[in-house]
Amino acid sequence: MASSRVTGRQVGMRVGWLLLAALACTSAGSKTRAAEESVQRFFAALPSGDCAVLEPLLATGGGARPCEQTVQELREHGFSLVGIVESRVDGRDSEAVIVRARVARDGVERQEPWLLRVERQAGAWRVRF
């Protein structure tokens, strides 16, 4: 008959794994919160059209358009943020978060949420359009 006793070492290992899992969740939670805040700050500042304020919130590189182009297009179509549906750390890049956002165009909410990629660049979370 096998013993069902748990040794002190086994308990220690289980506690260690639980702590690592908790730390990973905390880290993911802080990343997703920061990414969501960046999306909210961007859309809050969008009506001003001021790239001095908006450009630091936009991701650069990798084919990203200049701030002026991005802002002009979003403003011409009257895009605004309705709310955040959810966000999760990108499984391919731990320094990126995928944010599902409800947006409106000219005051009419789109049926499907937008998927926005928010990347950590130079220590700040930046939205990529």
C-alpha atoms as a PDB file:
ATOM      1  CA  MET A   1       0.000   0.000   0.000  1.00  0.00           C
ATOM      2  CA  ALA A   2       1.423   3.396  -1.018  1.00  0.00           C
ATOM      3  CA  SER A   3       1.843   6.125   1.547  1.00  0.00           C
ATOM      4  CA  SER A   4      -0.146   9.315   1.044  1.00  0.00           C
ATOM      5  CA  ARG A   5       2.109  11.378   3.302  1.00  0.00           C
ATOM      6  CA  VAL A   6       3.450  14.600   1.835  1.00  0.00           C
ATOM      7  CA  THR A   7       7.008  15.428   2.741  1.00  0.00           C
ATOM      8  CA  GLY A   8       8.218  18.859   3.787  1.00  0.00           C
ATOM      9  CA  ARG A   9      10.196  19.111   0.567  1.00  0.00           C
ATOM     10  CA  GLN A  10       7.088  18.447  -1.527  1.00  0.00           C
ATOM     11  CA  VAL A  11       5.165  21.121   0.375  1.00  0.00           C
ATOM     12  CA  GLY A  12       8.031  23.564  -0.153  1.00  0.00           C
ATOM     13  CA  MET A  13       8.099  22.863  -3.876  1.00  0.00           C
ATOM     14  CA  ARG A  14       4.333  23.363  -4.165  1.00  0.00           C
ATOM     15  CA  VAL A  15       4.513  26.648  -2.285  1.00  0.00           C
ATOM     16  CA  GLY A  16       7.370  27.776  -4.545  1.00  0.00           C
ATOM     17  CA  TRP A  17       5.375  27.047  -7.690  1.00  0.00           C
ATOM     18  CA  LEU A  18       2.344  28.855  -6.286  1.00  0.00           C
ATOM     19  CA  LEU A  19       4.469  31.920  -5.501  1.00  0.00           C
ATOM     20  CA  LEU A  20       5.925  31.933  -9.015  1.00  0.00           C
ATOM     21  CA  ALA A  21       2.447  31.675 -10.514  1.00  0.00           C
ATOM     22  CA  ALA A  22       1.214  34.529  -8.317  1.00  0.00           C
ATOM     23  CA  LEU A  23       4.146  36.726  -9.356  1.00  0.00           C
ATOM     24  CA  ALA A  24       3.485  36.012 -13.027  1.00  0.00           C
ATOM     25  CA  CYS A  25      -0.163  36.987 -12.610  1.00  0.00           C
ATOM     26  CA  THR A  26       0.783  40.179 -10.781  1.00  0.00           C
ATOM     27  CA  SER A  27       3.263  41.104 -13.495  1.00  0.00           C
ATOM     28  CA  ALA A  28       0.709  40.422 -16.241  1.00  0.00           C
ATOM     29  CA  GLY A  29      -1.892  42.420 -14.318  1.00  0.00           C
ATOM     30  CA  SER A  30       0.340  45.466 -14.022  1.00  0.00           C
ATOM     31  CA  LYS A  31       1.221  45.264 -17.725  1.00  0.00           C
ATOM     32  CA  THR A  32      -2.397  45.030 -18.840  1.00  0.00           C
ATOM     33  CA  ARG A  33      -3.439  47.898 -16.542  1.00  0.00           C
ATOM     34  CA  ALA A  34      -0.637  50.107 -17.890  1.00  0.00           C
ATOM     35  CA  ALA A  35      -1.524  49.246 -21.504  1.00  0.00           C
ATOM     36  CA  GLU A  36      -5.212  50.006 -20.924  1.00  0.00           C
ATOM     37  CA  GLU A  37      -4.299  53.351 -19.331  1.00  0.00           C
ATOM     38  CA  SER A  38      -2.221  54.232 -22.407  1.00  0.00           C
ATOM     39  CA  VAL A  39      -5.159  53.486 -24.700  1.00  0.00           C
ATOM     40  CA  GLN A  40      -7.449  55.616 -22.519  1.00  0.00           C
ATOM     41  CA  ARG A  41      -4.939  58.517 -22.402  1.00  0.00           C
ATOM     42  CA  PHE A  42      -4.491  58.389 -26.185  1.00  0.00           C
ATOM     43  CA  PHE A  43      -8.208  58.547 -26.936  1.00  0.00           C
ATOM     44  CA  ALA A  44      -8.773  61.221 -24.271  1.00  0.00           C
ATOM     45  CA  ALA A  45      -6.150  63.425 -25.959  1.00  0.00           C
ATOM     46  CA  LEU A  46      -7.170  62.563 -29.551  1.00  0.00           C
ATOM     47  CA  PRO A  47      -9.753  65.370 -29.958  1.00  0.00           C
ATOM     48  CA  SER A  48      -6.994  67.965 -29.437  1.00  0.00           C
ATOM     49  CA  GLY A  49      -5.022  66.597 -32.395  1.00  0.00           C
ATOM     50  CA  ASP A  50      -1.850  67.721 -30.601  1.00  0.00           C
ATOM     51  CA  CYS A  51       1.000  65.416 -31.628  1.00  0.00           C
ATOM     52  CA  ALA A  52       3.193  66.919 -28.909  1.00  0.00           C
ATOM     53  CA  VAL A  53       0.877  65.099 -26.492  1.00  0.00           C
ATOM     54  CA  LEU A  54      -0.149  62.137 -28.669  1.00  0.00           C
ATOM     55  CA  GLU A  55       3.169  61.128 -30.235  1.00  0.00           C
ATOM     56  CA  PRO A  56       4.674  59.790 -26.964  1.00  0.00           C
ATOM     57  CA  LEU A  57       1.615  57.500 -26.717  1.00  0.00           C
ATOM     58  CA  LEU A  58       2.130  56.013 -30.201  1.00  0.00           C
ATOM     59  CA  ALA A  59       4.389  53.066 -31.017  1.00  0.00           C
ATOM     60  CA  THR A  60       7.196  53.777 -33.449  1.00  0.00           C
ATOM     61  CA  GLY A  61       9.108  51.641 -35.927  1.00  0.00           C
ATOM     62  CA  GLY A  62       7.939  48.602 -37.843  1.00  0.00           C
ATOM     63  CA  GLY A  63       6.013  50.551 -40.460  1.00  0.00           C
ATOM     64  CA  ALA A  64       4.231  52.872 -38.019  1.00  0.00           C
ATOM     65  CA  ARG A  65       2.930  55.988 -39.720  1.00  0.00           C
ATOM     66  CA  PRO A  66       3.887  59.444 -38.458  1.00  0.00           C
ATOM     67  CA  CYS A  67       1.732  60.831 -35.660  1.00  0.00           C
ATOM     68  CA  GLU A  68       0.189  63.509 -37.881  1.00  0.00           C
ATOM     69  CA  GLN A  69      -1.121  60.911 -40.367  1.00  0.00           C
ATOM     70  CA  THR A  70      -2.496  58.590 -37.695  1.00  0.00           C
ATOM     71  CA  VAL A  71      -4.185  61.390 -35.761  1.00  0.00           C
ATOM     72  CA  GLN A  72      -5.623  63.026 -38.896  1.00  0.00           C
ATOM     73  CA  GLU A  73      -7.184  59.748 -40.052  1.00  0.00           C
ATOM     74  CA  LEU A  74      -8.653  58.903 -36.642  1.00  0.00           C
ATOM     75  CA  ARG A  75     -10.070  62.417 -36.232  1.00  0.00           C
ATOM     76  CA  GLU A  76     -11.470  62.571 -39.790  1.00  0.00           C
ATOM     77  CA  HIS A  77     -13.509  59.458 -39.077  1.00  0.00           C
ATOM     78  CA  GLY A  78     -14.523  60.634 -35.607  1.00  0.00           C
ATOM     79  CA  PHE A  79     -13.097  57.662 -33.710  1.00  0.00           C
ATOM     80  CA  SER A  80     -13.547  57.633 -29.946  1.00  0.00           C
ATOM     81  CA  LEU A  81     -13.116  55.099 -27.175  1.00  0.00           C
ATOM     82  CA  VAL A  82     -16.279  53.640 -25.700  1.00  0.00           C
ATOM     83  CA  GLY A  83     -14.560  51.253 -23.288  1.00  0.00           C
ATOM     84  CA  ILE A  84     -12.062  48.477 -22.750  1.00  0.00           C
ATOM     85  CA  VAL A  85     -13.418  44.934 -23.117  1.00  0.00           C
ATOM     86  CA  GLU A  86     -10.315  43.060 -21.974  1.00  0.00           C
ATOM     87  CA  SER A  87      -6.573  42.918 -22.330  1.00  0.00           C
ATOM     88  CA  ARG A  88      -3.943  40.212 -22.185  1.00  0.00           C
ATOM     89  CA  VAL A  89      -0.194  39.977 -22.533  1.00  0.00           C
ATOM     90  CA  ASP A  90       0.721  38.938 -26.076  1.00  0.00           C
ATOM     91  CA  GLY A  91       1.824  35.300 -26.024  1.00  0.00           C
ATOM     92  CA  ARG A  92       4.533  36.033 -28.596  1.00  0.00           C
ATOM     93  CA  ASP A  93       6.024  39.071 -26.847  1.00  0.00           C
ATOM     94  CA  SER A  94       5.896  39.695 -23.100  1.00  0.00           C
ATOM     95  CA  GLU A  95       6.516  43.408 -23.748  1.00  0.00           C
ATOM     96  CA  ALA A  96       3.258  43.767 -25.684  1.00  0.00           C
ATOM     97  CA  VAL A  97      -0.381  43.669 -24.628  1.00  0.00           C
ATOM     98  CA  ILE A  98      -3.410  43.072 -26.850  1.00  0.00           C
ATOM     99  CA  VAL A  99      -6.261  45.360 -25.790  1.00  0.00           C
ATOM    100  CA  ARG A 100      -9.803  44.706 -27.022  1.00  0.00           C
ATOM    101  CA  ALA A 101     -11.481  48.098 -27.115  1.00  0.00           C
ATOM    102  CA  ARG A 102     -14.990  49.179 -27.986  1.00  0.00           C
ATOM    103  CA  VAL A 103     -14.770  52.200 -30.274  1.00  0.00           C
ATOM    104  CA  ALA A 104     -17.247  54.493 -31.971  1.00  0.00           C
ATOM    105  CA  ARG A 105     -16.987  56.078 -35.396  1.00  0.00           C
ATOM    106  CA  ASP A 106     -18.805  59.383 -35.708  1.00  0.00           C
ATOM    107  CA  GLY A 107     -20.692  58.568 -32.511  1.00  0.00           C
ATOM    108  CA  VAL A 108     -21.856  55.100 -33.632  1.00  0.00           C
ATOM    109  CA  GLU A 109     -20.339  52.195 -31.738  1.00  0.00           C
ATOM    110  CA  ARG A 110     -18.766  49.554 -33.935  1.00  0.00           C
ATOM    111  CA  GLN A 111     -20.280  46.114 -33.517  1.00  0.00           C
ATOM    112  CA  GLU A 112     -16.918  44.360 -33.107  1.00  0.00           C
ATOM    113  CA  PRO A 113     -14.169  45.571 -30.761  1.00  0.00           C
ATOM    114  CA  TRP A 114     -10.850  46.756 -32.124  1.00  0.00           C
ATOM    115  CA  LEU A 115      -7.745  44.785 -31.263  1.00  0.00           C
ATOM    116  CA  LEU A 116      -5.049  47.263 -30.324  1.00  0.00           C
ATOM    117  CA  ARG A 117      -1.452  46.218 -29.801  1.00  0.00           C
ATOM    118  CA  VAL A 118       0.201  48.207 -27.028  1.00  0.00           C
ATOM    119  CA  GLU A 119       3.990  47.850 -26.795  1.00  0.00           C
ATOM    120  CA  ARG A 120       6.488  48.841 -24.154  1.00  0.00           C
ATOM    121  CA  GLN A 121       9.007  51.098 -25.879  1.00  0.00           C
ATOM    122  CA  ALA A 122      11.617  53.197 -24.082  1.00  0.00           C
ATOM    123  CA  GLY A 123       9.959  52.383 -20.745  1.00  0.00           C
ATOM    124  CA  ALA A 124       6.483  53.580 -21.794  1.00  0.00           C
ATOM    125  CA  TRP A 125       3.418  51.732 -23.082  1.00  0.00           C
ATOM    126  CA  ARG A 126       2.552  52.902 -26.615  1.00  0.00           C
ATOM    127  CA  VAL A 127      -0.405  52.138 -28.866  1.00  0.00           C
ATOM    128  CA  ARG A 128       0.219  50.767 -32.355  1.00  0.00           C
ATOM    129  CA  PHE A 129      -2.388  51.516 -35.047  1.00  0.00           C
END
